[in-house]
Amino acid sequence: MDMSSSLEGLRSLLGVNSTAPATTSIKPTGTPAESSSTFNDLATVSSAGSQVSAAAGGDGVRMDKVASIQAALASGTYNVPASAVASKVIDSMLGSR
């Protein structure tokens, strides 16, 4: 699985701009004896997680629409035409929006 294309797809879905990832390096700490040349662990964390979190943070979510759909789902009256589902699946496979 190509994680970079999956991440780009998620960014596109959530409307997050794809920018060069800001990275934070975490270096080990400890006593000088622990920080010898054999202790070379390094972790790099990109900003993609925070971008996705910010995009999904509730801005632009129409809570009234969400509540009405949740109510329809709970009562069993929510219906999506099969043609609409098929159209979205085909559009997604072809890469069009």
PDB file of N, CA and C in Angstrom:
ATOM      1  N   MET A   1       0.844  -1.179   0.000  1.00  0.00           N
ATOM      2  CA  MET A   1       0.000   0.000   0.000  1.00  0.00           C
ATOM      3  C   MET A   1       0.886   1.238   0.000  1.00  0.00           C
ATOM      4  N   ASP A   2       0.616   2.151  -0.887  1.00  0.00           N
ATOM      5  CA  ASP A   2       1.393   3.379  -0.979  1.00  0.00           C
ATOM      6  C   ASP A   2       0.789   4.409  -0.031  1.00  0.00           C
ATOM      7  N   MET A   3       1.454   4.640   1.092  1.00  0.00           N
ATOM      8  CA  MET A   3       0.925   5.532   2.132  1.00  0.00           C
ATOM      9  C   MET A   3       0.896   6.983   1.672  1.00  0.00           C
ATOM     10  N   SER A   4       1.835   7.411   0.831  1.00  0.00           N
ATOM     11  CA  SER A   4       1.854   8.809   0.418  1.00  0.00           C
ATOM     12  C   SER A   4       0.642   9.143  -0.439  1.00  0.00           C
ATOM     13  N   SER A   5       0.235   8.242  -1.338  1.00  0.00           N
ATOM     14  CA  SER A   5      -0.948   8.522  -2.148  1.00  0.00           C
ATOM     15  C   SER A   5      -2.210   8.442  -1.295  1.00  0.00           C
ATOM     16  N   SER A   6      -2.234   7.566  -0.298  1.00  0.00           N
ATOM     17  CA  SER A   6      -3.382   7.490   0.598  1.00  0.00           C
ATOM     18  C   SER A   6      -3.507   8.770   1.413  1.00  0.00           C
ATOM     19  N   LEU A   7      -2.385   9.298   1.858  1.00  0.00           N
ATOM     20  CA  LEU A   7      -2.392  10.542   2.620  1.00  0.00           C
ATOM     21  C   LEU A   7      -2.840  11.704   1.741  1.00  0.00           C
ATOM     22  N   GLU A   8      -2.386  11.724   0.490  1.00  0.00           N
ATOM     23  CA  GLU A   8      -2.805  12.780  -0.428  1.00  0.00           C
ATOM     24  C   GLU A   8      -4.303  12.680  -0.700  1.00  0.00           C
ATOM     25  N   GLY A   9      -4.813  11.463  -0.823  1.00  0.00           N
ATOM     26  CA  GLY A   9      -6.247  11.283  -1.025  1.00  0.00           C
ATOM     27  C   GLY A   9      -7.049  11.776   0.166  1.00  0.00           C
ATOM     28  N   LEU A  10      -6.550  11.513   1.372  1.00  0.00           N
ATOM     29  CA  LEU A  10      -7.214  11.983   2.585  1.00  0.00           C
ATOM     30  C   LEU A  10      -7.172  13.495   2.660  1.00  0.00           C
ATOM     31  N   ARG A  11      -6.032  14.078   2.332  1.00  0.00           N
ATOM     32  CA  ARG A  11      -5.926  15.543   2.319  1.00  0.00           C
ATOM     33  C   ARG A  11      -6.907  16.145   1.330  1.00  0.00           C
ATOM     34  N   SER A  12      -7.015  15.534   0.155  1.00  0.00           N
ATOM     35  CA  SER A  12      -7.929  16.020  -0.870  1.00  0.00           C
ATOM     36  C   SER A  12      -9.365  15.921  -0.390  1.00  0.00           C
ATOM     37  N   LEU A  13      -9.704  14.793   0.221  1.00  0.00           N
ATOM     38  CA  LEU A  13     -11.060  14.583   0.725  1.00  0.00           C
ATOM     39  C   LEU A  13     -11.434  15.610   1.780  1.00  0.00           C
ATOM     40  N   LEU A  14     -10.484  15.929   2.659  1.00  0.00           N
ATOM     41  CA  LEU A  14     -10.751  16.868   3.742  1.00  0.00           C
ATOM     42  C   LEU A  14     -10.483  18.310   3.355  1.00  0.00           C
ATOM     43  N   GLY A  15      -9.954  18.546   2.155  1.00  0.00           N
ATOM     44  CA  GLY A  15      -9.706  19.906   1.696  1.00  0.00           C
ATOM     45  C   GLY A  15      -8.507  20.557   2.352  1.00  0.00           C
ATOM     46  N   VAL A  16      -7.526  19.759   2.747  1.00  0.00           N
ATOM     47  CA  VAL A  16      -6.322  20.283   3.375  1.00  0.00           C
ATOM     48  C   VAL A  16      -5.291  20.503   2.290  1.00  0.00           C
ATOM     49  N   ASN A  17      -4.666  21.678   2.274  1.00  0.00           N
ATOM     50  CA  ASN A  17      -3.630  21.965   1.294  1.00  0.00           C
ATOM     51  C   ASN A  17      -2.421  21.095   1.538  1.00  0.00           C
ATOM     52  N   SER A  18      -1.844  20.611   0.467  1.00  0.00           N
ATOM     53  CA  SER A  18      -0.642  19.794   0.560  1.00  0.00           C
ATOM     54  C   SER A  18       0.561  20.712   0.513  1.00  0.00           C
ATOM     55  N   THR A  19       1.222  20.861   1.641  1.00  0.00           N
ATOM     56  CA  THR A  19       2.424  21.676   1.713  1.00  0.00           C
ATOM     57  C   THR A  19       3.576  20.793   2.133  1.00  0.00           C
ATOM     58  N   ALA A  20       4.767  21.319   2.023  1.00  0.00           N
ATOM     59  CA  ALA A  20       5.930  20.557   2.469  1.00  0.00           C
ATOM     60  C   ALA A  20       5.782  20.300   3.960  1.00  0.00           C
ATOM     61  N   PRO A  21       5.939  19.062   4.385  1.00  0.00           N
ATOM     62  CA  PRO A  21       5.716  18.744   5.795  1.00  0.00           C
ATOM     63  C   PRO A  21       6.767  19.371   6.700  1.00  0.00           C
ATOM     64  N   ALA A  22       6.269  19.981   7.745  1.00  0.00           N
ATOM     65  CA  ALA A  22       7.170  20.483   8.777  1.00  0.00           C
ATOM     66  C   ALA A  22       7.513  19.296   9.657  1.00  0.00           C
ATOM     67  N   THR A  23       8.749  19.170  10.020  1.00  0.00           N
ATOM     68  CA  THR A  23       9.130  18.020  10.817  1.00  0.00           C
ATOM     69  C   THR A  23       9.701  18.469  12.141  1.00  0.00           C
ATOM     70  N   THR A  24       9.524  17.623  13.109  1.00  0.00           N
ATOM     71  CA  THR A  24      10.066  17.835  14.433  1.00  0.00           C
ATOM     72  C   THR A  24      10.931  16.635  14.754  1.00  0.00           C
ATOM     73  N   SER A  25      12.149  16.880  15.103  1.00  0.00           N
ATOM     74  CA  SER A  25      13.034  15.774  15.443  1.00  0.00           C
ATOM     75  C   SER A  25      13.093  15.636  16.944  1.00  0.00           C
ATOM     76  N   ILE A  26      13.015  14.403  17.398  1.00  0.00           N
ATOM     77  CA  ILE A  26      13.086  14.103  18.821  1.00  0.00           C
ATOM     78  C   ILE A  26      14.359  13.303  19.031  1.00  0.00           C
ATOM     79  N   LYS A  27      15.267  13.861  19.784  1.00  0.00           N
ATOM     80  CA  LYS A  27      16.523  13.178  20.035  1.00  0.00           C
ATOM     81  C   LYS A  27      16.520  12.641  21.456  1.00  0.00           C
ATOM     82  N   PRO A  28      17.163  11.526  21.664  1.00  0.00           N
ATOM     83  CA  PRO A  28      17.179  10.937  22.999  1.00  0.00           C
ATOM     84  C   PRO A  28      17.959  11.799  23.981  1.00  0.00           C
ATOM     85  N   THR A  29      17.519  11.740  25.207  1.00  0.00           N
ATOM     86  CA  THR A  29      18.222  12.453  26.273  1.00  0.00           C
ATOM     87  C   THR A  29      18.699  11.440  27.287  1.00  0.00           C
ATOM     88  N   GLY A  30      19.595  11.838  28.109  1.00  0.00           N
ATOM     89  CA  GLY A  30      20.091  10.919  29.124  1.00  0.00           C
ATOM     90  C   GLY A  30      21.471  11.357  29.570  1.00  0.00           C
ATOM     91  N   THR A  31      22.099  10.495  30.288  1.00  0.00           N
ATOM     92  CA  THR A  31      23.438  10.804  30.766  1.00  0.00           C
ATOM     93  C   THR A  31      24.422  10.669  29.620  1.00  0.00           C
ATOM     94  N   PRO A  32      25.573  11.302  29.699  1.00  0.00           N
ATOM     95  CA  PRO A  32      26.548  11.194  28.615  1.00  0.00           C
ATOM     96  C   PRO A  32      26.905   9.757  28.284  1.00  0.00           C
ATOM     97  N   ALA A  33      26.918   8.873  29.276  1.00  0.00           N
ATOM     98  CA  ALA A  33      27.246   7.474  29.016  1.00  0.00           C
ATOM     99  C   ALA A  33      26.182   6.826  28.136  1.00  0.00           C
ATOM    100  N   GLU A  34      24.884   7.246  28.318  1.00  0.00           N
ATOM    101  CA  GLU A  34      23.797   6.698  27.521  1.00  0.00           C
ATOM    102  C   GLU A  34      23.795   7.272  26.109  1.00  0.00           C
ATOM    103  N   SER A  35      24.376   8.438  25.912  1.00  0.00           N
ATOM    104  CA  SER A  35      24.355   9.125  24.629  1.00  0.00           C
ATOM    105  C   SER A  35      25.579   8.787  23.792  1.00  0.00           C
ATOM    106  N   SER A  36      26.074   7.579  23.892  1.00  0.00           N
ATOM    107  CA  SER A  36      27.240   7.177  23.131  1.00  0.00           C
ATOM    108  C   SER A  36      26.872   7.024  21.663  1.00  0.00           C
ATOM    109  N   SER A  37      27.843   6.723  20.849  1.00  0.00           N
ATOM    110  CA  SER A  37      27.609   6.600  19.415  1.00  0.00           C
ATOM    111  C   SER A  37      26.725   5.410  19.067  1.00  0.00           C
ATOM    112  N   THR A  38      26.523   4.479  19.972  1.00  0.00           N
ATOM    113  CA  THR A  38      25.649   3.339  19.697  1.00  0.00           C
ATOM    114  C   THR A  38      24.184   3.668  19.949  1.00  0.00           C
ATOM    115  N   PHE A  39      23.892   4.832  20.461  1.00  0.00           N
ATOM    116  CA  PHE A  39      22.521   5.246  20.768  1.00  0.00           C
ATOM    117  C   PHE A  39      22.108   6.303  19.757  1.00  0.00           C
ATOM    118  N   ASN A  40      21.610   5.874  18.594  1.00  0.00           N
ATOM    119  CA  ASN A  40      21.341   6.788  17.485  1.00  0.00           C
ATOM    120  C   ASN A  40      19.865   6.848  17.101  1.00  0.00           C
ATOM    121  N   ASP A  41      18.962   6.645  18.033  1.00  0.00           N
ATOM    122  CA  ASP A  41      17.537   6.702  17.707  1.00  0.00           C
ATOM    123  C   ASP A  41      17.139   8.127  17.362  1.00  0.00           C
ATOM    124  N   LEU A  42      16.281   8.259  16.365  1.00  0.00           N
ATOM    125  CA  LEU A  42      15.795   9.561  15.942  1.00  0.00           C
ATOM    126  C   LEU A  42      14.381   9.371  15.396  1.00  0.00           C
ATOM    127  N   ALA A  43      13.441  10.170  15.844  1.00  0.00           N
ATOM    128  CA  ALA A  43      12.060  10.100  15.360  1.00  0.00           C
ATOM    129  C   ALA A  43      11.722  11.405  14.657  1.00  0.00           C
ATOM    130  N   THR A  44      11.052  11.297  13.522  1.00  0.00           N
ATOM    131  CA  THR A  44      10.623  12.474  12.778  1.00  0.00           C
ATOM    132  C   THR A  44       9.107  12.423  12.663  1.00  0.00           C
ATOM    133  N   VAL A  45       8.452  13.504  13.054  1.00  0.00           N
ATOM    134  CA  VAL A  45       7.001  13.574  13.035  1.00  0.00           C
ATOM    135  C   VAL A  45       6.597  14.671  12.058  1.00  0.00           C
ATOM    136  N   SER A  46       5.765  14.331  11.091  1.00  0.00           N
ATOM    137  CA  SER A  46       5.332  15.335  10.122  1.00  0.00           C
ATOM    138  C   SER A  46       4.113  16.079  10.647  1.00  0.00           C
ATOM    139  N   SER A  47       3.758  17.138   9.973  1.00  0.00           N
ATOM    140  CA  SER A  47       2.608  17.934  10.388  1.00  0.00           C
ATOM    141  C   SER A  47       1.310  17.442   9.755  1.00  0.00           C
ATOM    142  N   ALA A  48       1.350  16.345   9.019  1.00  0.00           N
ATOM    143  CA  ALA A  48       0.146  15.849   8.341  1.00  0.00           C
ATOM    144  C   ALA A  48      -0.961  15.526   9.326  1.00  0.00           C
ATOM    145  N   GLY A  49      -0.616  14.916  10.452  1.00  0.00           N
ATOM    146  CA  GLY A  49      -1.635  14.578  11.446  1.00  0.00           C
ATOM    147  C   GLY A  49      -2.336  15.799  11.996  1.00  0.00           C
ATOM    148  N   SER A  50      -1.577  16.834  12.277  1.00  0.00           N
ATOM    149  CA  SER A  50      -2.201  18.054  12.800  1.00  0.00           C
ATOM    150  C   SER A  50      -3.021  18.753  11.727  1.00  0.00           C
ATOM    151  N   GLN A  51      -2.611  18.652  10.451  1.00  0.00           N
ATOM    152  CA  GLN A  51      -3.393  19.248   9.366  1.00  0.00           C
ATOM    153  C   GLN A  51      -4.735  18.544   9.221  1.00  0.00           C
ATOM    154  N   VAL A  52      -4.721  17.220   9.280  1.00  0.00           N
ATOM    155  CA  VAL A  52      -5.963  16.454   9.172  1.00  0.00           C
ATOM    156  C   VAL A  52      -6.860  16.749  10.372  1.00  0.00           C
ATOM    157  N   SER A  53      -6.268  16.811  11.548  1.00  0.00           N
ATOM    158  CA  SER A  53      -7.030  17.102  12.758  1.00  0.00           C
ATOM    159  C   SER A  53      -7.671  18.482  12.682  1.00  0.00           C
ATOM    160  N   ALA A  54      -6.921  19.455  12.188  1.00  0.00           N
ATOM    161  CA  ALA A  54      -7.457  20.813  12.070  1.00  0.00           C
ATOM    162  C   ALA A  54      -8.582  20.864  11.047  1.00  0.00           C
ATOM    163  N   ALA A  55      -8.448  20.119   9.956  1.00  0.00           N
ATOM    164  CA  ALA A  55      -9.473  20.115   8.916  1.00  0.00           C
ATOM    165  C   ALA A  55     -10.756  19.452   9.402  1.00  0.00           C
ATOM    166  N   ALA A  56     -10.621  18.453  10.256  1.00  0.00           N
ATOM    167  CA  ALA A  56     -11.788  17.732  10.745  1.00  0.00           C
ATOM    168  C   ALA A  56     -12.286  18.303  12.073  1.00  0.00           C
ATOM    169  N   GLY A  57     -11.769  19.436  12.486  1.00  0.00           N
ATOM    170  CA  GLY A  57     -12.065  19.993  13.797  1.00  0.00           C
ATOM    171  C   GLY A  57     -13.434  20.602  13.965  1.00  0.00           C
ATOM    172  N   GLY A  58     -14.301  20.511  12.979  1.00  0.00           N
ATOM    173  CA  GLY A  58     -15.647  21.030  13.162  1.00  0.00           C
ATOM    174  C   GLY A  58     -15.936  22.281  12.359  1.00  0.00           C
ATOM    175  N   ASP A  59     -14.925  22.906  11.801  1.00  0.00           N
ATOM    176  CA  ASP A  59     -15.163  24.079  10.972  1.00  0.00           C
ATOM    177  C   ASP A  59     -15.839  23.643   9.676  1.00  0.00           C
ATOM    178  N   GLY A  60     -16.944  24.281   9.351  1.00  0.00           N
ATOM    179  CA  GLY A  60     -17.644  23.955   8.121  1.00  0.00           C
ATOM    180  C   GLY A  60     -18.595  22.778   8.233  1.00  0.00           C
ATOM    181  N   VAL A  61     -18.758  22.200   9.407  1.00  0.00           N
ATOM    182  CA  VAL A  61     -19.680  21.080   9.574  1.00  0.00           C
ATOM    183  C   VAL A  61     -21.062  21.644   9.895  1.00  0.00           C
ATOM    184  N   ARG A  62     -22.017  21.255   9.082  1.00  0.00           N
ATOM    185  CA  ARG A  62     -23.389  21.720   9.304  1.00  0.00           C
ATOM    186  C   ARG A  62     -24.068  20.747  10.255  1.00  0.00           C
ATOM    187  N   MET A  63     -24.038  21.089  11.531  1.00  0.00           N
ATOM    188  CA  MET A  63     -24.526  20.179  12.565  1.00  0.00           C
ATOM    189  C   MET A  63     -26.017  19.888  12.431  1.00  0.00           C
ATOM    190  N   ASP A  64     -26.796  20.826  11.907  1.00  0.00           N
ATOM    191  CA  ASP A  64     -28.221  20.567  11.720  1.00  0.00           C
ATOM    192  C   ASP A  64     -28.437  19.461  10.682  1.00  0.00           C
ATOM    193  N   LYS A  65     -27.646  19.471   9.622  1.00  0.00           N
ATOM    194  CA  LYS A  65     -27.746  18.434   8.601  1.00  0.00           C
ATOM    195  C   LYS A  65     -27.280  17.083   9.153  1.00  0.00           C
ATOM    196  N   VAL A  66     -26.188  17.113   9.912  1.00  0.00           N
ATOM    197  CA  VAL A  66     -25.680  15.883  10.529  1.00  0.00           C
ATOM    198  C   VAL A  66     -26.738  15.287  11.454  1.00  0.00           C
ATOM    199  N   ALA A  67     -27.372  16.120  12.267  1.00  0.00           N
ATOM    200  CA  ALA A  67     -28.392  15.641  13.207  1.00  0.00           C
ATOM    201  C   ALA A  67     -29.590  15.049  12.465  1.00  0.00           C
ATOM    202  N   SER A  68     -30.009  15.677  11.359  1.00  0.00           N
ATOM    203  CA  SER A  68     -31.163  15.144  10.628  1.00  0.00           C
ATOM    204  C   SER A  68     -30.828  13.802   9.968  1.00  0.00           C
ATOM    205  N   ILE A  69     -29.606  13.659   9.464  1.00  0.00           N
ATOM    206  CA  ILE A  69     -29.208  12.384   8.855  1.00  0.00           C
ATOM    207  C   ILE A  69     -29.086  11.306   9.924  1.00  0.00           C
ATOM    208  N   GLN A  70     -28.539  11.659  11.084  1.00  0.00           N
ATOM    209  CA  GLN A  70     -28.439  10.691  12.177  1.00  0.00           C
ATOM    210  C   GLN A  70     -29.822  10.219  12.614  1.00  0.00           C
ATOM    211  N   ALA A  71     -30.776  11.134  12.678  1.00  0.00           N
ATOM    212  CA  ALA A  71     -32.141  10.778  13.067  1.00  0.00           C
ATOM    213  C   ALA A  71     -32.773   9.851  12.027  1.00  0.00           C
ATOM    214  N   ALA A  72     -32.551  10.149  10.739  1.00  0.00           N
ATOM    215  CA  ALA A  72     -33.092   9.304   9.675  1.00  0.00           C
ATOM    216  C   ALA A  72     -32.456   7.918   9.699  1.00  0.00           C
ATOM    217  N   LEU A  73     -31.156   7.856   9.972  1.00  0.00           N
ATOM    218  CA  LEU A  73     -30.477   6.564  10.079  1.00  0.00           C
ATOM    219  C   LEU A  73     -31.033   5.750  11.243  1.00  0.00           C
ATOM    220  N   ALA A  74     -31.236   6.426  12.376  1.00  0.00           N
ATOM    221  CA  ALA A  74     -31.741   5.740  13.571  1.00  0.00           C
ATOM    222  C   ALA A  74     -33.158   5.205  13.355  1.00  0.00           C
ATOM    223  N   SER A  75     -33.963   5.951  12.610  1.00  0.00           N
ATOM    224  CA  SER A  75     -35.346   5.521  12.393  1.00  0.00           C
ATOM    225  C   SER A  75     -35.486   4.583  11.194  1.00  0.00           C
ATOM    226  N   GLY A  76     -34.415   4.425  10.421  1.00  0.00           N
ATOM    227  CA  GLY A  76     -34.452   3.530   9.269  1.00  0.00           C
ATOM    228  C   GLY A  76     -35.068   4.135   8.033  1.00  0.00           C
ATOM    229  N   THR A  77     -35.193   5.456   7.995  1.00  0.00           N
ATOM    230  CA  THR A  77     -35.824   6.109   6.846  1.00  0.00           C
ATOM    231  C   THR A  77     -34.825   6.773   5.907  1.00  0.00           C
ATOM    232  N   TYR A  78     -33.533   6.681   6.203  1.00  0.00           N
ATOM    233  CA  TYR A  78     -32.518   7.299   5.340  1.00  0.00           C
ATOM    234  C   TYR A  78     -32.334   6.435   4.111  1.00  0.00           C
ATOM    235  N   ASN A  79     -32.460   7.024   2.931  1.00  0.00           N
ATOM    236  CA  ASN A  79     -32.371   6.276   1.689  1.00  0.00           C
ATOM    237  C   ASN A  79     -31.484   7.027   0.707  1.00  0.00           C
ATOM    238  N   VAL A  80     -30.557   6.315   0.122  1.00  0.00           N
ATOM    239  CA  VAL A  80     -29.688   6.879  -0.913  1.00  0.00           C
ATOM    240  C   VAL A  80     -29.950   6.094  -2.181  1.00  0.00           C
ATOM    241  N   PRO A  81     -30.273   6.785  -3.276  1.00  0.00           N
ATOM    242  CA  PRO A  81     -30.512   6.064  -4.534  1.00  0.00           C
ATOM    243  C   PRO A  81     -29.261   5.300  -4.982  1.00  0.00           C
ATOM    244  N   ALA A  82     -29.453   4.081  -5.451  1.00  0.00           N
ATOM    245  CA  ALA A  82     -28.328   3.255  -5.902  1.00  0.00           C
ATOM    246  C   ALA A  82     -27.563   3.936  -7.029  1.00  0.00           C
ATOM    247  N   SER A  83     -28.262   4.682  -7.879  1.00  0.00           N
ATOM    248  CA  SER A  83     -27.596   5.369  -8.988  1.00  0.00           C
ATOM    249  C   SER A  83     -26.634   6.441  -8.478  1.00  0.00           C
ATOM    250  N   ALA A  84     -26.975   7.100  -7.370  1.00  0.00           N
ATOM    251  CA  ALA A  84     -26.082   8.110  -6.799  1.00  0.00           C
ATOM    252  C   ALA A  84     -24.827   7.466  -6.228  1.00  0.00           C
ATOM    253  N   VAL A  85     -25.003   6.312  -5.570  1.00  0.00           N
ATOM    254  CA  VAL A  85     -23.855   5.588  -5.022  1.00  0.00           C
ATOM    255  C   VAL A  85     -22.959   5.120  -6.161  1.00  0.00           C
ATOM    256  N   ALA A  86     -23.541   4.534  -7.183  1.00  0.00           N
ATOM    257  CA  ALA A  86     -22.771   4.040  -8.324  1.00  0.00           C
ATOM    258  C   ALA A  86     -22.017   5.169  -9.012  1.00  0.00           C
ATOM    259  N   SER A  87     -22.663   6.300  -9.169  1.00  0.00           N
ATOM    260  CA  SER A  87     -22.019   7.452  -9.801  1.00  0.00           C
ATOM    261  C   SER A  87     -20.804   7.922  -9.010  1.00  0.00           C
ATOM    262  N   LYS A  88     -20.937   7.993  -7.686  1.00  0.00           N
ATOM    263  CA  LYS A  88     -19.812   8.419  -6.843  1.00  0.00           C
ATOM    264  C   LYS A  88     -18.674   7.410  -6.866  1.00  0.00           C
ATOM    265  N   VAL A  89     -19.004   6.115  -6.890  1.00  0.00           N
ATOM    266  CA  VAL A  89     -17.975   5.077  -6.950  1.00  0.00           C
ATOM    267  C   VAL A  89     -17.192   5.197  -8.251  1.00  0.00           C
ATOM    268  N   ILE A  90     -17.905   5.361  -9.361  1.00  0.00           N
ATOM    269  CA  ILE A  90     -17.241   5.485 -10.666  1.00  0.00           C
ATOM    270  C   ILE A  90     -16.401   6.753 -10.717  1.00  0.00           C
ATOM    271  N   ASP A  91     -16.942   7.871 -10.233  1.00  0.00           N
ATOM    272  CA  ASP A  91     -16.185   9.117 -10.205  1.00  0.00           C
ATOM    273  C   ASP A  91     -14.903   8.956  -9.382  1.00  0.00           C
ATOM    274  N   SER A  92     -15.018   8.270  -8.253  1.00  0.00           N
ATOM    275  CA  SER A  92     -13.853   8.060  -7.396  1.00  0.00           C
ATOM    276  C   SER A  92     -12.806   7.195  -8.096  1.00  0.00           C
ATOM    277  N   MET A  93     -13.247   6.170  -8.792  1.00  0.00           N
ATOM    278  CA  MET A  93     -12.311   5.284  -9.486  1.00  0.00           C
ATOM    279  C   MET A  93     -11.631   5.989 -10.642  1.00  0.00           C
ATOM    280  N   LEU A  94     -12.340   6.897 -11.303  1.00  0.00           N
ATOM    281  CA  LEU A  94     -11.770   7.629 -12.421  1.00  0.00           C
ATOM    282  C   LEU A  94     -10.955   8.832 -11.986  1.00  0.00           C
ATOM    283  N   GLY A  95     -11.038   9.166 -10.715  1.00  0.00           N
ATOM    284  CA  GLY A  95     -10.263  10.287 -10.186  1.00  0.00           C
ATOM    285  C   GLY A  95     -10.901  11.639 -10.399  1.00  0.00           C
ATOM    286  N   SER A  96     -12.133  11.676 -10.824  1.00  0.00           N
ATOM    287  CA  SER A  96     -12.815  12.957 -10.990  1.00  0.00           C
ATOM    288  C   SER A  96     -13.613  13.265  -9.756  1.00  0.00           C
ATOM    289  N   ARG A  97     -13.954  14.527  -9.602  1.00  0.00           N
ATOM    290  CA  ARG A  97     -14.727  14.938  -8.428  1.00  0.00           C
ATOM    291  C   ARG A  97     -16.118  15.146  -8.804  1.00  0.00           C
TER     292      ARG A  97
END
